[in-house]
Amino acid sequence: MAEITRLLNATASGDTSAQAELADAVYQELHRLASFYMRREQRPDHTLQPTALVNEAYLLLIGDKPVNWDNRAHFYSAAAKTMRRILIDHARSHRAAKRSGRLERVELDDGVIAVEENANELLELNAALDRLAMLDERQARVVELRFFGGLTVEETAKVARVSEKTVKRDWALARAWLENELRS
């Protein structure tokens, strides 16, 4: 963990060799998160692959502008938010293309991942999470960190700068609220 924080700081300082090391160090975890998100979806015509999701997120996170990351948890929190935005944008474009009748499925290889039955479920979750943020921003952040970021209760508490007890309470309340919202 300390090594990743060191690499993040070195990358922010412009160390290009640290950037390559950082990519190697975080790739596995980012790919695990991306695969986790993609497994939650079941749409058979999904064209986004976990590797593409990781690559796009990493480029957006590291990019040309140096970012001062507080620590590993801060980086993975930003990665979770970035992957969420990419998936939502992909779902929106899929839904728009489907409505216009221009969508054509092209399989390049066996790596095409089956994802959500339809993009609407992901968009509904995103909308519900946005509504939750208007009611309780901290609870929405806890959901994002835990659900999209894959952070533990302890890591979430550090990033959100609250106690673990608060994270557990917010997580339970937010999950119940989201389940109720998504049912209606």
C-alpha atoms as a PDB file:
ATOM      1  CA  MET A   1       0.000   0.000   0.000  1.00  0.00           C
ATOM      2  CA  ALA A   2       2.767   2.454   0.885  1.00  0.00           C
ATOM      3  CA  GLU A   3       4.504   1.623  -2.398  1.00  0.00           C
ATOM      4  CA  ILE A   4       1.434   2.654  -4.405  1.00  0.00           C
ATOM      5  CA  THR A   5       1.195   5.937  -2.476  1.00  0.00           C
ATOM      6  CA  ARG A   6       4.897   6.549  -3.160  1.00  0.00           C
ATOM      7  CA  LEU A   7       4.401   5.843  -6.878  1.00  0.00           C
ATOM      8  CA  LEU A   8       1.359   8.129  -7.011  1.00  0.00           C
ATOM      9  CA  ASN A   9       3.373  10.951  -5.451  1.00  0.00           C
ATOM     10  CA  ALA A  10       6.331  10.347  -7.770  1.00  0.00           C
ATOM     11  CA  THR A  11       4.027  10.320 -10.805  1.00  0.00           C
ATOM     12  CA  ALA A  12       2.472  13.606  -9.679  1.00  0.00           C
ATOM     13  CA  SER A  13       6.005  15.028  -9.494  1.00  0.00           C
ATOM     14  CA  GLY A  14       6.573  14.097 -13.135  1.00  0.00           C
ATOM     15  CA  ASP A  15       8.660  10.943 -12.679  1.00  0.00           C
ATOM     16  CA  THR A  16       7.946   9.019 -15.899  1.00  0.00           C
ATOM     17  CA  SER A  17       9.544   5.805 -14.666  1.00  0.00           C
ATOM     18  CA  ALA A  18       7.247   5.885 -11.637  1.00  0.00           C
ATOM     19  CA  GLN A  19       4.275   6.201 -13.986  1.00  0.00           C
ATOM     20  CA  ALA A  20       5.166   2.889 -15.646  1.00  0.00           C
ATOM     21  CA  GLU A  21       5.672   1.232 -12.261  1.00  0.00           C
ATOM     22  CA  LEU A  22       2.369   2.665 -11.063  1.00  0.00           C
ATOM     23  CA  ALA A  23       0.524   1.230 -14.046  1.00  0.00           C
ATOM     24  CA  ASP A  24       1.946  -2.219 -13.261  1.00  0.00           C
ATOM     25  CA  ALA A  25       1.161  -1.868  -9.550  1.00  0.00           C
ATOM     26  CA  VAL A  26      -2.486  -0.810  -9.883  1.00  0.00           C
ATOM     27  CA  TYR A  27      -3.511  -2.626 -13.066  1.00  0.00           C
ATOM     28  CA  GLN A  28      -4.511  -5.902 -11.367  1.00  0.00           C
ATOM     29  CA  GLU A  29      -6.721  -4.175  -8.799  1.00  0.00           C
ATOM     30  CA  LEU A  30      -8.324  -1.888 -11.376  1.00  0.00           C
ATOM     31  CA  HIS A  31      -8.976  -4.873 -13.630  1.00  0.00           C
ATOM     32  CA  ARG A  32     -10.528  -6.757 -10.705  1.00  0.00           C
ATOM     33  CA  LEU A  33     -12.834  -3.799 -10.041  1.00  0.00           C
ATOM     34  CA  ALA A  34     -13.740  -3.487 -13.725  1.00  0.00           C
ATOM     35  CA  SER A  35     -14.488  -7.199 -13.971  1.00  0.00           C
ATOM     36  CA  PHE A  36     -16.622  -6.922 -10.835  1.00  0.00           C
ATOM     37  CA  TYR A  37     -18.673  -4.094 -12.385  1.00  0.00           C
ATOM     38  CA  MET A  38     -19.022  -5.924 -15.678  1.00  0.00           C
ATOM     39  CA  ARG A  39     -20.198  -9.156 -13.998  1.00  0.00           C
ATOM     40  CA  ARG A  40     -23.055  -7.229 -12.412  1.00  0.00           C
ATOM     41  CA  GLU A  41     -24.396  -6.532 -15.841  1.00  0.00           C
ATOM     42  CA  GLN A  42     -26.001  -9.179 -18.033  1.00  0.00           C
ATOM     43  CA  ARG A  43     -26.720  -7.444 -21.334  1.00  0.00           C
ATOM     44  CA  PRO A  44     -25.669  -9.912 -24.056  1.00  0.00           C
ATOM     45  CA  ASP A  45     -24.825  -7.190 -26.567  1.00  0.00           C
ATOM     46  CA  HIS A  46     -22.443  -5.257 -24.344  1.00  0.00           C
ATOM     47  CA  THR A  47     -19.323  -4.228 -26.219  1.00  0.00           C
ATOM     48  CA  LEU A  48     -17.248  -2.770 -23.385  1.00  0.00           C
ATOM     49  CA  GLN A  49     -14.588  -5.080 -21.950  1.00  0.00           C
ATOM     50  CA  PRO A  50     -12.975  -4.812 -18.497  1.00  0.00           C
ATOM     51  CA  THR A  51      -9.582  -4.121 -20.081  1.00  0.00           C
ATOM     52  CA  ALA A  52     -10.998  -1.231 -22.104  1.00  0.00           C
ATOM     53  CA  LEU A  53     -12.708   0.126 -18.990  1.00  0.00           C
ATOM     54  CA  VAL A  54      -9.442  -0.033 -17.026  1.00  0.00           C
ATOM     55  CA  ASN A  55      -7.425   1.592 -19.808  1.00  0.00           C
ATOM     56  CA  GLU A  56      -9.885   4.440 -20.288  1.00  0.00           C
ATOM     57  CA  ALA A  57     -10.179   5.054 -16.545  1.00  0.00           C
ATOM     58  CA  TYR A  58      -6.403   4.969 -16.055  1.00  0.00           C
ATOM     59  CA  LEU A  59      -5.823   7.460 -18.858  1.00  0.00           C
ATOM     60  CA  LEU A  60      -8.412   9.793 -17.376  1.00  0.00           C
ATOM     61  CA  LEU A  61      -6.926   9.448 -13.891  1.00  0.00           C
ATOM     62  CA  ILE A  62      -3.256   9.850 -14.746  1.00  0.00           C
ATOM     63  CA  GLY A  63      -3.500  11.735 -18.057  1.00  0.00           C
ATOM     64  CA  ASP A  64      -1.362  14.757 -18.813  1.00  0.00           C
ATOM     65  CA  LYS A  65      -2.144  16.735 -15.668  1.00  0.00           C
ATOM     66  CA  PRO A  66      -0.285  15.738 -12.514  1.00  0.00           C
ATOM     67  CA  VAL A  67      -2.631  14.954  -9.618  1.00  0.00           C
ATOM     68  CA  ASN A  68      -1.562  14.933  -5.977  1.00  0.00           C
ATOM     69  CA  TRP A  69      -3.091  11.801  -4.531  1.00  0.00           C
ATOM     70  CA  ASP A  70      -3.395  11.638  -0.740  1.00  0.00           C
ATOM     71  CA  ASN A  71      -2.929   7.872  -0.693  1.00  0.00           C
ATOM     72  CA  ARG A  72      -3.928   4.603  -2.316  1.00  0.00           C
ATOM     73  CA  ALA A  73      -7.523   4.834  -1.072  1.00  0.00           C
ATOM     74  CA  HIS A  74      -7.894   8.321  -2.576  1.00  0.00           C
ATOM     75  CA  PHE A  75      -6.684   7.000  -5.939  1.00  0.00           C
ATOM     76  CA  TYR A  76      -9.039   3.998  -5.897  1.00  0.00           C
ATOM     77  CA  SER A  77     -11.917   6.257  -4.860  1.00  0.00           C
ATOM     78  CA  ALA A  78     -11.290   8.428  -7.909  1.00  0.00           C
ATOM     79  CA  ALA A  79     -10.932   5.281 -10.041  1.00  0.00           C
ATOM     80  CA  ALA A  80     -14.323   4.028  -8.845  1.00  0.00           C
ATOM     81  CA  LYS A  81     -15.975   7.327  -9.686  1.00  0.00           C
ATOM     82  CA  THR A  82     -14.283   7.424 -13.088  1.00  0.00           C
ATOM     83  CA  MET A  83     -15.320   3.851 -13.964  1.00  0.00           C
ATOM     84  CA  ARG A  84     -18.862   4.648 -12.866  1.00  0.00           C
ATOM     85  CA  ARG A  85     -18.952   7.650 -15.222  1.00  0.00           C
ATOM     86  CA  ILE A  86     -17.549   5.599 -18.109  1.00  0.00           C
ATOM     87  CA  LEU A  87     -20.128   2.840 -17.593  1.00  0.00           C
ATOM     88  CA  ILE A  88     -22.963   5.362 -17.353  1.00  0.00           C
ATOM     89  CA  ASP A  89     -21.810   7.149 -20.513  1.00  0.00           C
ATOM     90  CA  HIS A  90     -21.530   3.806 -22.293  1.00  0.00           C
ATOM     91  CA  ALA A  91     -25.024   2.775 -21.141  1.00  0.00           C
ATOM     92  CA  ARG A  92     -26.491   6.099 -22.273  1.00  0.00           C
ATOM     93  CA  SER A  93     -24.889   5.895 -25.696  1.00  0.00           C
ATOM     94  CA  HIS A  94     -26.020   2.266 -26.036  1.00  0.00           C
ATOM     95  CA  ARG A  95     -29.586   3.207 -25.175  1.00  0.00           C
ATOM     96  CA  ALA A  96     -29.536   6.160 -27.586  1.00  0.00           C
ATOM     97  CA  ALA A  97     -28.122   4.032 -30.401  1.00  0.00           C
ATOM     98  CA  LYS A  98     -30.629   1.270 -29.704  1.00  0.00           C
ATOM     99  CA  ARG A  99     -33.523   3.708 -29.934  1.00  0.00           C
ATOM    100  CA  SER A 100     -32.246   5.065 -33.226  1.00  0.00           C
ATOM    101  CA  GLY A 101     -31.883   1.587 -34.686  1.00  0.00           C
ATOM    102  CA  ARG A 102     -28.203   2.032 -35.511  1.00  0.00           C
ATOM    103  CA  LEU A 103     -26.858  -0.557 -33.091  1.00  0.00           C
ATOM    104  CA  GLU A 104     -25.212  -3.549 -34.651  1.00  0.00           C
ATOM    105  CA  ARG A 105     -23.406  -6.182 -32.634  1.00  0.00           C
ATOM    106  CA  VAL A 106     -19.969  -7.093 -33.862  1.00  0.00           C
ATOM    107  CA  GLU A 107     -17.978  -9.720 -31.981  1.00  0.00           C
ATOM    108  CA  LEU A 108     -14.257  -9.312 -32.364  1.00  0.00           C
ATOM    109  CA  ASP A 109     -13.307 -12.204 -30.135  1.00  0.00           C
ATOM    110  CA  ASP A 110     -14.392 -14.224 -27.140  1.00  0.00           C
ATOM    111  CA  GLY A 111     -13.325 -11.356 -24.876  1.00  0.00           C
ATOM    112  CA  VAL A 112     -16.602  -9.491 -25.373  1.00  0.00           C
ATOM    113  CA  ILE A 113     -18.196  -9.546 -21.941  1.00  0.00           C
ATOM    114  CA  ALA A 114     -21.872 -10.189 -21.351  1.00  0.00           C
ATOM    115  CA  VAL A 115     -23.207  -7.281 -19.370  1.00  0.00           C
ATOM    116  CA  GLU A 116     -26.482  -6.105 -17.847  1.00  0.00           C
ATOM    117  CA  GLU A 117     -29.753  -7.235 -19.294  1.00  0.00           C
ATOM    118  CA  ASN A 118     -30.279  -3.635 -20.287  1.00  0.00           C
ATOM    119  CA  ALA A 119     -28.555  -0.370 -19.744  1.00  0.00           C
ATOM    120  CA  ASN A 120     -31.618   0.980 -17.955  1.00  0.00           C
ATOM    121  CA  GLU A 121     -30.751  -0.816 -14.687  1.00  0.00           C
ATOM    122  CA  LEU A 122     -27.346   0.847 -14.494  1.00  0.00           C
ATOM    123  CA  LEU A 123     -28.858   4.206 -15.386  1.00  0.00           C
ATOM    124  CA  GLU A 124     -31.573   3.734 -12.738  1.00  0.00           C
ATOM    125  CA  LEU A 125     -28.940   2.939 -10.110  1.00  0.00           C
ATOM    126  CA  ASN A 126     -26.958   6.013 -11.134  1.00  0.00           C
ATOM    127  CA  ALA A 127     -30.069   8.227 -10.946  1.00  0.00           C
ATOM    128  CA  ALA A 128     -30.982   6.790  -7.541  1.00  0.00           C
ATOM    129  CA  LEU A 129     -27.451   7.379  -6.279  1.00  0.00           C
ATOM    130  CA  ASP A 130     -27.644  10.981  -7.516  1.00  0.00           C
ATOM    131  CA  ARG A 131     -30.970  11.432  -5.658  1.00  0.00           C
ATOM    132  CA  LEU A 132     -29.399   9.978  -2.527  1.00  0.00           C
ATOM    133  CA  ALA A 133     -26.534  12.458  -2.844  1.00  0.00           C
ATOM    134  CA  MET A 134     -29.062  15.308  -2.732  1.00  0.00           C
ATOM    135  CA  LEU A 135     -30.483  13.904   0.509  1.00  0.00           C
ATOM    136  CA  ASP A 136     -27.253  12.742   2.130  1.00  0.00           C
ATOM    137  CA  GLU A 137     -24.020  13.320   0.281  1.00  0.00           C
ATOM    138  CA  ARG A 138     -21.956  11.285   2.740  1.00  0.00           C
ATOM    139  CA  GLN A 139     -24.132   8.195   2.352  1.00  0.00           C
ATOM    140  CA  ALA A 140     -23.903   8.465  -1.440  1.00  0.00           C
ATOM    141  CA  ARG A 141     -20.115   8.759  -1.171  1.00  0.00           C
ATOM    142  CA  VAL A 142     -19.957   5.689   1.076  1.00  0.00           C
ATOM    143  CA  VAL A 143     -21.953   3.702  -1.500  1.00  0.00           C
ATOM    144  CA  GLU A 144     -19.692   4.886  -4.290  1.00  0.00           C
ATOM    145  CA  LEU A 145     -16.542   3.999  -2.367  1.00  0.00           C
ATOM    146  CA  ARG A 146     -17.791   0.601  -1.214  1.00  0.00           C
ATOM    147  CA  PHE A 147     -19.838  -0.494  -4.244  1.00  0.00           C
ATOM    148  CA  PHE A 148     -17.947   1.074  -7.145  1.00  0.00           C
ATOM    149  CA  GLY A 149     -14.566   1.453  -5.454  1.00  0.00           C
ATOM    150  CA  GLY A 150     -14.443  -1.908  -3.748  1.00  0.00           C
ATOM    151  CA  LEU A 151     -12.991  -0.288  -0.632  1.00  0.00           C
ATOM    152  CA  THR A 152     -13.259  -1.927   2.751  1.00  0.00           C
ATOM    153  CA  VAL A 153     -15.061  -0.284   5.661  1.00  0.00           C
ATOM    154  CA  GLU A 154     -11.690   0.776   7.075  1.00  0.00           C
ATOM    155  CA  GLU A 155     -10.481   2.264   3.760  1.00  0.00           C
ATOM    156  CA  THR A 156     -13.820   4.021   3.232  1.00  0.00           C
ATOM    157  CA  ALA A 157     -13.598   5.543   6.707  1.00  0.00           C
ATOM    158  CA  LYS A 158     -10.118   6.906   5.937  1.00  0.00           C
ATOM    159  CA  VAL A 159     -11.123   8.384   2.590  1.00  0.00           C
ATOM    160  CA  ALA A 160     -14.388   9.856   3.915  1.00  0.00           C
ATOM    161  CA  ARG A 161     -12.663  10.963   7.131  1.00  0.00           C
ATOM    162  CA  VAL A 162     -15.318   9.437   9.380  1.00  0.00           C
ATOM    163  CA  SER A 163     -15.351   6.562  11.832  1.00  0.00           C
ATOM    164  CA  GLU A 164     -15.820   2.952  10.761  1.00  0.00           C
ATOM    165  CA  LYS A 165     -19.039   2.888  12.780  1.00  0.00           C
ATOM    166  CA  THR A 166     -20.347   5.821  10.726  1.00  0.00           C
ATOM    167  CA  VAL A 167     -19.417   4.038   7.491  1.00  0.00           C
ATOM    168  CA  LYS A 168     -21.268   0.896   8.576  1.00  0.00           C
ATOM    169  CA  ARG A 169     -24.351   2.911   9.551  1.00  0.00           C
ATOM    170  CA  ASP A 170     -24.301   4.983   6.335  1.00  0.00           C
ATOM    171  CA  TRP A 171     -23.754   1.835   4.242  1.00  0.00           C
ATOM    172  CA  ALA A 172     -26.755   0.078   5.823  1.00  0.00           C
ATOM    173  CA  LEU A 173     -29.044   3.113   5.540  1.00  0.00           C
ATOM    174  CA  ALA A 174     -27.999   3.909   1.986  1.00  0.00           C
ATOM    175  CA  ARG A 175     -28.446   0.323   0.818  1.00  0.00           C
ATOM    176  CA  ALA A 176     -31.940   0.178   2.313  1.00  0.00           C
ATOM    177  CA  TRP A 177     -32.840   3.530   0.759  1.00  0.00           C
ATOM    178  CA  LEU A 178     -31.486   2.518  -2.663  1.00  0.00           C
ATOM    179  CA  GLU A 179     -33.300  -0.841  -2.583  1.00  0.00           C
ATOM    180  CA  ASN A 180     -36.556   0.965  -1.821  1.00  0.00           C
ATOM    181  CA  GLU A 181     -35.931   3.535  -4.582  1.00  0.00           C
ATOM    182  CA  LEU A 182     -35.081   0.912  -7.170  1.00  0.00           C
ATOM    183  CA  ARG A 183     -38.156  -1.182  -6.324  1.00  0.00           C
ATOM    184  CA  SER A 184     -40.504   1.739  -6.991  1.00  0.00           C
END
